[in-house]
Amino acid sequence: MTKMVRKQLFITTEQNRKLKERAAATGFSEGELIRDGIDLKLAQEPEEQRAWRDIVDETVAKLSGAWAERENLDEEMREIRRRWNRRSLLLGKKSPFLRKKSK
């Protein structure tokens, strides 16, 4: 059995009435119903987070094929890396794309 922690809380008289009715009707204890309700509420994704996730998913879906139709992808990637290397050298930083020359 999971370790339990005692909590005291206030509920309205209406909530108390409905809780007792549901417990009697289902055969579950009031505590089980309360714990299940807490689990349900905690499992719900907050509206802001859900909206942000939807925006990210939509953006990723739009961008997922952005490079698919390019025929010279290798050449374009080499050019991008060359620009990063040049920028890194100008800033005095080591570029992650610079390869060590083998002897």
Protein backbone atom coordinates (compact mmCIF):
# COMPACT_ATOMS: atom_id res chain seq x y z
CA MET A 1 0.00 0.00 0.00
CA THR A 2 1.18 3.52 -0.78
CA LYS A 3 2.28 5.60 2.18
CA MET A 4 -0.45 8.08 3.13
CA VAL A 5 -0.14 11.61 4.48
CA ARG A 6 -2.93 13.10 6.56
CA LYS A 7 -4.49 16.30 5.21
CA GLN A 8 -7.36 18.28 6.62
CA LEU A 9 -9.43 20.41 4.28
CA PHE A 10 -12.66 22.34 4.15
CA ILE A 11 -15.41 21.49 1.67
CA THR A 12 -18.80 23.08 1.19
CA THR A 13 -21.92 21.47 2.61
CA GLU A 14 -23.02 20.79 -0.97
CA GLN A 15 -19.73 19.04 -1.76
CA ASN A 16 -20.10 17.02 1.44
CA ARG A 17 -23.63 15.96 0.51
CA LYS A 18 -22.61 14.93 -3.01
CA LEU A 19 -19.53 13.12 -1.70
CA LYS A 20 -21.61 11.07 0.74
CA GLU A 21 -24.17 10.26 -1.96
CA ARG A 22 -21.47 9.15 -4.42
CA ALA A 23 -19.71 7.05 -1.79
CA ALA A 24 -22.95 5.30 -0.89
CA ALA A 25 -23.88 4.76 -4.53
CA THR A 26 -20.50 3.42 -5.65
CA GLY A 27 -19.27 1.61 -2.56
CA PHE A 28 -16.03 3.61 -2.56
CA SER A 29 -14.98 5.40 0.60
CA GLU A 30 -15.11 9.18 0.73
CA GLY A 31 -11.31 9.19 1.02
CA GLU A 32 -10.94 7.09 -2.14
CA LEU A 33 -13.23 9.45 -4.06
CA ILE A 34 -11.30 12.50 -2.84
CA ARG A 35 -7.94 10.92 -3.74
CA ASP A 36 -9.26 9.95 -7.19
CA GLY A 37 -10.51 13.51 -7.69
CA ILE A 38 -7.12 14.93 -6.73
CA ASP A 39 -5.39 12.53 -9.15
CA LEU A 40 -7.75 13.56 -11.96
CA LYS A 41 -7.18 17.26 -11.32
CA LEU A 42 -3.41 16.88 -11.12
CA ALA A 43 -3.33 14.86 -14.35
CA GLN A 44 -5.05 17.62 -16.31
CA GLU A 45 -2.67 19.70 -18.36
CA PRO A 46 -2.93 23.41 -17.55
CA GLU A 47 -4.64 25.39 -20.33
CA GLU A 48 -1.63 27.68 -20.89
CA GLN A 49 0.72 24.73 -21.25
CA ARG A 50 -1.67 22.95 -23.62
CA ALA A 51 -2.01 26.10 -25.78
CA TRP A 52 1.79 26.52 -25.93
CA ARG A 53 2.29 22.84 -26.83
CA ASP A 54 -0.28 23.18 -29.63
CA ILE A 55 1.57 26.21 -31.04
CA VAL A 56 4.90 24.37 -30.94
CA ASP A 57 3.42 21.25 -32.56
CA GLU A 58 1.83 23.33 -35.32
CA THR A 59 5.07 25.22 -35.99
CA VAL A 60 7.14 22.03 -36.09
CA ALA A 61 4.64 20.46 -38.50
CA LYS A 62 4.95 23.46 -40.83
CA LEU A 63 8.75 23.39 -40.73
CA SER A 64 9.29 19.65 -40.91
CA GLY A 65 9.52 19.57 -44.70
CA ALA A 66 11.27 22.91 -45.16
CA TRP A 67 14.49 21.31 -46.43
CA ALA A 68 12.99 18.23 -48.06
CA GLU A 69 12.83 19.63 -51.60
CA ARG A 70 16.38 20.94 -51.72
CA GLU A 71 18.56 19.08 -54.16
CA ASN A 72 21.89 20.50 -53.02
CA LEU A 73 21.45 20.08 -49.26
CA ASP A 74 25.03 18.89 -48.68
CA GLU A 75 26.44 21.95 -50.42
CA GLU A 76 24.13 24.29 -48.49
CA MET A 77 25.11 22.71 -45.18
CA ARG A 78 28.81 23.09 -46.01
CA GLU A 79 28.21 26.78 -46.74
CA ILE A 80 26.34 27.26 -43.44
CA ARG A 81 29.17 25.56 -41.54
CA ARG A 82 31.75 27.69 -43.40
CA ARG A 83 29.93 30.86 -42.30
CA TRP A 84 29.78 29.61 -38.71
CA ASN A 85 33.48 28.79 -38.81
CA ARG A 86 34.31 32.27 -40.15
CA ARG A 87 32.09 33.94 -37.53
CA SER A 88 33.68 31.87 -34.77
CA LEU A 89 37.17 32.79 -35.94
CA LEU A 90 36.27 36.49 -36.04
CA LEU A 91 34.88 36.28 -32.51
CA GLY A 92 37.89 34.32 -31.30
CA LYS A 93 35.83 31.27 -30.46
CA LYS A 94 36.32 27.68 -31.46
CA SER A 95 33.68 26.50 -33.91
CA PRO A 96 32.05 23.11 -33.31
CA PHE A 97 32.28 22.53 -37.07
CA LEU A 98 36.04 22.96 -37.44
CA ARG A 99 37.69 19.64 -38.08
CA LYS A 100 41.14 18.80 -36.86
CA LYS A 101 43.40 18.17 -39.81
CA SER A 102 44.86 14.69 -39.77
CA LYS A 103 48.61 14.40 -40.27
